[in-house]
């Protein structure tokens, strides 16, 4: 079977509805089994929706990248300029706010392609480091980030609806 060519491009405001639906679905699929329906509903309502994603796509502090396979959205990432938590070093660190791959495309190289493009976008923005927060119970994601050069730098709180959870902070220099 021939290797598929994955296209990674910067999202534009016209992508807001597709990005909102994809983001909410992949977040739900990843975390709903370990959280209450009420907390999931609260979090998704506050984090995903066409208007919210359109505002993020217009925000000059953010970069959203879409990975597509034959024109179908397979994964996305979002970078956000802003203050980094304690323990993150490097000049002008930027946050990798979201990184989700559709289950149908997991294990097929799309995550690596998207991470390479995401790190390149961070470097183009002038960042000397990239940091992220990942749920302490999401071992698969942590293993992927370690494979991509990220190291554990501490912990921070994350609110999923009304449930206070703990995220691991991971970072890498560029």
C-alpha atoms as a PDB file:
ATOM      1  CA  UNK A   1       0.000   0.000   0.000  1.00  0.00           C
ATOM      2  CA  UNK A   2       1.387   3.408  -0.954  1.00  0.00           C
ATOM      3  CA  UNK A   3       2.132   5.987   1.739  1.00  0.00           C
ATOM      4  CA  UNK A   4      -0.568   8.656   1.879  1.00  0.00           C
ATOM      5  CA  UNK A   5       0.372  12.286   1.600  1.00  0.00           C
ATOM      6  CA  UNK A   6      -0.893  14.195   4.620  1.00  0.00           C
ATOM      7  CA  UNK A   7      -1.527  17.892   4.028  1.00  0.00           C
ATOM      8  CA  UNK A   8      -1.026  20.248   6.965  1.00  0.00           C
ATOM      9  CA  UNK A   9      -2.306  23.780   6.595  1.00  0.00           C
ATOM     10  CA  UNK A  10      -3.116  26.774   8.737  1.00  0.00           C
ATOM     11  CA  UNK A  11      -6.794  26.987   9.670  1.00  0.00           C
ATOM     12  CA  UNK A  12      -8.821  30.006   8.546  1.00  0.00           C
ATOM     13  CA  UNK A  13     -12.085  31.416   9.972  1.00  0.00           C
ATOM     14  CA  UNK A  14     -14.097  29.451   7.387  1.00  0.00           C
ATOM     15  CA  UNK A  15     -12.868  26.283   9.151  1.00  0.00           C
ATOM     16  CA  UNK A  16     -14.489  27.264  12.478  1.00  0.00           C
ATOM     17  CA  UNK A  17     -17.575  25.036  12.292  1.00  0.00           C
ATOM     18  CA  UNK A  18     -15.622  21.958  11.171  1.00  0.00           C
ATOM     19  CA  UNK A  19     -12.938  22.594  13.784  1.00  0.00           C
ATOM     20  CA  UNK A  20     -15.531  23.037  16.550  1.00  0.00           C
ATOM     21  CA  UNK A  21     -17.291  19.792  15.687  1.00  0.00           C
ATOM     22  CA  UNK A  22     -14.027  17.864  15.287  1.00  0.00           C
ATOM     23  CA  UNK A  23     -12.532  19.284  18.499  1.00  0.00           C
ATOM     24  CA  UNK A  24     -15.608  18.515  20.594  1.00  0.00           C
ATOM     25  CA  UNK A  25     -15.908  15.003  19.160  1.00  0.00           C
ATOM     26  CA  UNK A  26     -12.262  14.048  19.642  1.00  0.00           C
ATOM     27  CA  UNK A  27     -12.171  15.522  23.160  1.00  0.00           C
ATOM     28  CA  UNK A  28     -15.345  13.628  24.076  1.00  0.00           C
ATOM     29  CA  UNK A  29     -14.045  10.362  22.606  1.00  0.00           C
ATOM     30  CA  UNK A  30     -10.765  10.730  24.492  1.00  0.00           C
ATOM     31  CA  UNK A  31     -12.107  11.675  27.922  1.00  0.00           C
ATOM     32  CA  UNK A  32     -15.806  10.873  28.346  1.00  0.00           C
ATOM     33  CA  UNK A  33     -15.275   7.369  29.781  1.00  0.00           C
ATOM     34  CA  UNK A  34     -13.367   8.872  32.741  1.00  0.00           C
ATOM     35  CA  UNK A  35     -15.612  11.870  33.464  1.00  0.00           C
ATOM     36  CA  UNK A  36     -19.241  12.576  34.282  1.00  0.00           C
ATOM     37  CA  UNK A  37     -21.627  13.573  31.487  1.00  0.00           C
ATOM     38  CA  UNK A  38     -22.359  16.823  33.363  1.00  0.00           C
ATOM     39  CA  UNK A  39     -18.700  17.865  33.560  1.00  0.00           C
ATOM     40  CA  UNK A  40     -18.096  16.888  29.945  1.00  0.00           C
ATOM     41  CA  UNK A  41     -21.102  18.943  28.814  1.00  0.00           C
ATOM     42  CA  UNK A  42     -19.928  21.983  30.801  1.00  0.00           C
ATOM     43  CA  UNK A  43     -16.395  21.777  29.452  1.00  0.00           C
ATOM     44  CA  UNK A  44     -17.466  21.252  25.842  1.00  0.00           C
ATOM     45  CA  UNK A  45     -19.943  24.148  26.001  1.00  0.00           C
ATOM     46  CA  UNK A  46     -17.199  26.454  27.292  1.00  0.00           C
ATOM     47  CA  UNK A  47     -14.495  25.258  24.909  1.00  0.00           C
ATOM     48  CA  UNK A  48     -16.031  24.323  21.559  1.00  0.00           C
ATOM     49  CA  UNK A  49     -18.535  25.931  19.259  1.00  0.00           C
ATOM     50  CA  UNK A  50     -18.337  27.630  15.865  1.00  0.00           C
ATOM     51  CA  UNK A  51     -18.317  31.127  17.402  1.00  0.00           C
ATOM     52  CA  UNK A  52     -15.609  30.211  19.919  1.00  0.00           C
ATOM     53  CA  UNK A  53     -13.395  28.621  17.289  1.00  0.00           C
ATOM     54  CA  UNK A  54     -13.962  31.540  14.880  1.00  0.00           C
ATOM     55  CA  UNK A  55     -12.793  33.949  17.599  1.00  0.00           C
ATOM     56  CA  UNK A  56      -9.724  31.784  18.254  1.00  0.00           C
ATOM     57  CA  UNK A  57      -8.912  31.658  14.548  1.00  0.00           C
ATOM     58  CA  UNK A  58      -9.045  35.461  14.380  1.00  0.00           C
ATOM     59  CA  UNK A  59      -6.931  35.875  17.547  1.00  0.00           C
ATOM     60  CA  UNK A  60      -3.393  36.975  16.570  1.00  0.00           C
ATOM     61  CA  UNK A  61      -1.995  35.131  19.619  1.00  0.00           C
ATOM     62  CA  UNK A  62      -3.146  31.775  18.238  1.00  0.00           C
ATOM     63  CA  UNK A  63      -2.162  29.486  15.381  1.00  0.00           C
ATOM     64  CA  UNK A  64      -4.346  26.522  14.435  1.00  0.00           C
ATOM     65  CA  UNK A  65      -3.086  23.819  12.093  1.00  0.00           C
ATOM     66  CA  UNK A  66      -5.226  21.204  10.382  1.00  0.00           C
ATOM     67  CA  UNK A  67      -3.930  17.859   9.135  1.00  0.00           C
ATOM     68  CA  UNK A  68      -5.987  16.462   6.300  1.00  0.00           C
ATOM     69  CA  UNK A  69      -6.013  13.168   4.469  1.00  0.00           C
ATOM     70  CA  UNK A  70      -7.573  13.500   1.013  1.00  0.00           C
ATOM     71  CA  UNK A  71      -9.326  16.665   2.192  1.00  0.00           C
ATOM     72  CA  UNK A  72     -10.784  15.045   5.311  1.00  0.00           C
ATOM     73  CA  UNK A  73      -9.852  16.531   8.697  1.00  0.00           C
ATOM     74  CA  UNK A  74      -7.749  13.949  10.549  1.00  0.00           C
ATOM     75  CA  UNK A  75      -6.056  16.003  13.286  1.00  0.00           C
ATOM     76  CA  UNK A  76      -5.490  19.541  14.539  1.00  0.00           C
ATOM     77  CA  UNK A  77      -3.212  21.519  16.804  1.00  0.00           C
ATOM     78  CA  UNK A  78      -3.405  24.971  18.338  1.00  0.00           C
ATOM     79  CA  UNK A  79      -0.573  27.135  19.608  1.00  0.00           C
ATOM     80  CA  UNK A  80      -1.182  30.123  21.876  1.00  0.00           C
ATOM     81  CA  UNK A  81       1.159  32.947  22.895  1.00  0.00           C
ATOM     82  CA  UNK A  82       0.978  33.855  26.556  1.00  0.00           C
ATOM     83  CA  UNK A  83       2.695  33.382  29.884  1.00  0.00           C
ATOM     84  CA  UNK A  84       4.239  30.005  30.601  1.00  0.00           C
ATOM     85  CA  UNK A  85       3.992  28.245  33.956  1.00  0.00           C
ATOM     86  CA  UNK A  86       6.900  27.965  36.347  1.00  0.00           C
ATOM     87  CA  UNK A  87       9.402  25.331  35.260  1.00  0.00           C
ATOM     88  CA  UNK A  88       9.165  26.121  31.553  1.00  0.00           C
ATOM     89  CA  UNK A  89      12.420  27.592  30.313  1.00  0.00           C
ATOM     90  CA  UNK A  90      13.572  28.914  26.975  1.00  0.00           C
ATOM     91  CA  UNK A  91      13.030  32.197  25.213  1.00  0.00           C
ATOM     92  CA  UNK A  92       9.469  33.194  24.308  1.00  0.00           C
ATOM     93  CA  UNK A  93       7.790  29.882  25.189  1.00  0.00           C
ATOM     94  CA  UNK A  94       4.524  29.186  23.389  1.00  0.00           C
ATOM     95  CA  UNK A  95       1.765  26.859  24.568  1.00  0.00           C
ATOM     96  CA  UNK A  96       0.610  23.861  22.567  1.00  0.00           C
ATOM     97  CA  UNK A  97      -2.984  24.324  23.728  1.00  0.00           C
ATOM     98  CA  UNK A  98      -4.615  21.487  21.782  1.00  0.00           C
ATOM     99  CA  UNK A  99      -3.365  18.475  19.861  1.00  0.00           C
ATOM    100  CA  UNK A 100      -5.944  15.883  18.791  1.00  0.00           C
ATOM    101  CA  UNK A 101      -5.873  13.091  16.230  1.00  0.00           C
ATOM    102  CA  UNK A 102      -9.044  11.327  15.095  1.00  0.00           C
ATOM    103  CA  UNK A 103      -9.029   7.690  16.241  1.00  0.00           C
ATOM    104  CA  UNK A 104      -9.331   6.460  12.654  1.00  0.00           C
ATOM    105  CA  UNK A 105      -5.948   8.031  11.859  1.00  0.00           C
ATOM    106  CA  UNK A 106      -4.045   7.173  15.034  1.00  0.00           C
ATOM    107  CA  UNK A 107      -0.936   5.105  14.441  1.00  0.00           C
ATOM    108  CA  UNK A 108      -0.659   6.159  10.791  1.00  0.00           C
ATOM    109  CA  UNK A 109       1.976   8.901  11.045  1.00  0.00           C
ATOM    110  CA  UNK A 110      -0.385  11.866  11.073  1.00  0.00           C
ATOM    111  CA  UNK A 111       0.488  12.824  14.667  1.00  0.00           C
ATOM    112  CA  UNK A 112       4.203  12.986  13.809  1.00  0.00           C
ATOM    113  CA  UNK A 113       3.554  15.032  10.675  1.00  0.00           C
ATOM    114  CA  UNK A 114       1.334  17.442  12.580  1.00  0.00           C
ATOM    115  CA  UNK A 115       3.785  17.754  15.481  1.00  0.00           C
ATOM    116  CA  UNK A 116       6.612  18.574  13.042  1.00  0.00           C
ATOM    117  CA  UNK A 117       4.484  21.281  11.424  1.00  0.00           C
ATOM    118  CA  UNK A 118       3.410  22.591  14.841  1.00  0.00           C
ATOM    119  CA  UNK A 119       6.992  22.866  16.108  1.00  0.00           C
ATOM    120  CA  UNK A 120       7.970  24.590  12.844  1.00  0.00           C
ATOM    121  CA  UNK A 121       5.100  27.087  13.262  1.00  0.00           C
ATOM    122  CA  UNK A 122       6.246  27.799  16.832  1.00  0.00           C
ATOM    123  CA  UNK A 123       9.801  28.409  15.626  1.00  0.00           C
ATOM    124  CA  UNK A 124       8.534  30.699  12.831  1.00  0.00           C
ATOM    125  CA  UNK A 125       6.662  32.662  15.504  1.00  0.00           C
ATOM    126  CA  UNK A 126      10.006  33.148  17.294  1.00  0.00           C
ATOM    127  CA  UNK A 127       9.413  30.750  20.170  1.00  0.00           C
ATOM    128  CA  UNK A 128      12.432  29.137  21.772  1.00  0.00           C
ATOM    129  CA  UNK A 129      10.334  26.552  23.613  1.00  0.00           C
ATOM    130  CA  UNK A 130       6.966  24.820  23.370  1.00  0.00           C
ATOM    131  CA  UNK A 131       5.022  23.714  26.438  1.00  0.00           C
ATOM    132  CA  UNK A 132       1.759  21.869  26.983  1.00  0.00           C
ATOM    133  CA  UNK A 133      -0.466  20.519  29.729  1.00  0.00           C
ATOM    134  CA  UNK A 134      -1.625  16.902  29.493  1.00  0.00           C
ATOM    135  CA  UNK A 135      -3.928  15.019  31.858  1.00  0.00           C
ATOM    136  CA  UNK A 136      -1.888  13.026  34.350  1.00  0.00           C
ATOM    137  CA  UNK A 137      -3.948   9.916  33.512  1.00  0.00           C
ATOM    138  CA  UNK A 138      -3.387  10.168  29.743  1.00  0.00           C
ATOM    139  CA  UNK A 139      -0.308   7.955  29.550  1.00  0.00           C
ATOM    140  CA  UNK A 140      -0.565   7.407  25.791  1.00  0.00           C
ATOM    141  CA  UNK A 141      -0.362  11.134  25.070  1.00  0.00           C
ATOM    142  CA  UNK A 142       2.492  11.587  27.528  1.00  0.00           C
ATOM    143  CA  UNK A 143       4.454   8.806  25.813  1.00  0.00           C
ATOM    144  CA  UNK A 144       3.898  10.473  22.424  1.00  0.00           C
ATOM    145  CA  UNK A 145       5.049  13.859  23.739  1.00  0.00           C
ATOM    146  CA  UNK A 146       8.181  12.300  25.285  1.00  0.00           C
ATOM    147  CA  UNK A 147       8.905  10.687  21.897  1.00  0.00           C
ATOM    148  CA  UNK A 148       8.658  14.210  20.412  1.00  0.00           C
ATOM    149  CA  UNK A 149      11.249  15.587  22.849  1.00  0.00           C
ATOM    150  CA  UNK A 150       8.993  16.968  25.587  1.00  0.00           C
ATOM    151  CA  UNK A 151      10.036  16.549  29.224  1.00  0.00           C
ATOM    152  CA  UNK A 152       7.944  16.708  32.392  1.00  0.00           C
ATOM    153  CA  UNK A 153       8.284  20.088  34.097  1.00  0.00           C
ATOM    154  CA  UNK A 154       5.676  19.923  36.861  1.00  0.00           C
ATOM    155  CA  UNK A 155       1.933  19.998  37.361  1.00  0.00           C
ATOM    156  CA  UNK A 156      -1.004  22.398  37.192  1.00  0.00           C
ATOM    157  CA  UNK A 157      -4.715  22.325  37.850  1.00  0.00           C
ATOM    158  CA  UNK A 158      -7.201  21.825  35.027  1.00  0.00           C
ATOM    159  CA  UNK A 159     -10.948  22.321  35.392  1.00  0.00           C
ATOM    160  CA  UNK A 160     -13.106  19.885  33.473  1.00  0.00           C
ATOM    161  CA  UNK A 161     -16.519  21.370  34.141  1.00  0.00           C
ATOM    162  CA  UNK A 162     -16.641  21.480  37.943  1.00  0.00           C
ATOM    163  CA  UNK A 163     -14.012  18.758  38.447  1.00  0.00           C
ATOM    164  CA  UNK A 164     -10.519  19.917  39.414  1.00  0.00           C
ATOM    165  CA  UNK A 165      -7.986  17.601  37.763  1.00  0.00           C
ATOM    166  CA  UNK A 166      -4.209  17.560  37.519  1.00  0.00           C
ATOM    167  CA  UNK A 167      -2.311  18.065  34.285  1.00  0.00           C
ATOM    168  CA  UNK A 168       1.373  17.382  33.781  1.00  0.00           C
ATOM    169  CA  UNK A 169       3.317  20.260  32.240  1.00  0.00           C
ATOM    170  CA  UNK A 170       5.661  19.110  29.511  1.00  0.00           C
ATOM    171  CA  UNK A 171       8.052  21.280  27.511  1.00  0.00           C
ATOM    172  CA  UNK A 172      10.807  21.156  24.942  1.00  0.00           C
ATOM    173  CA  UNK A 173      13.241  23.718  23.665  1.00  0.00           C
ATOM    174  CA  UNK A 174      13.489  24.465  19.949  1.00  0.00           C
END
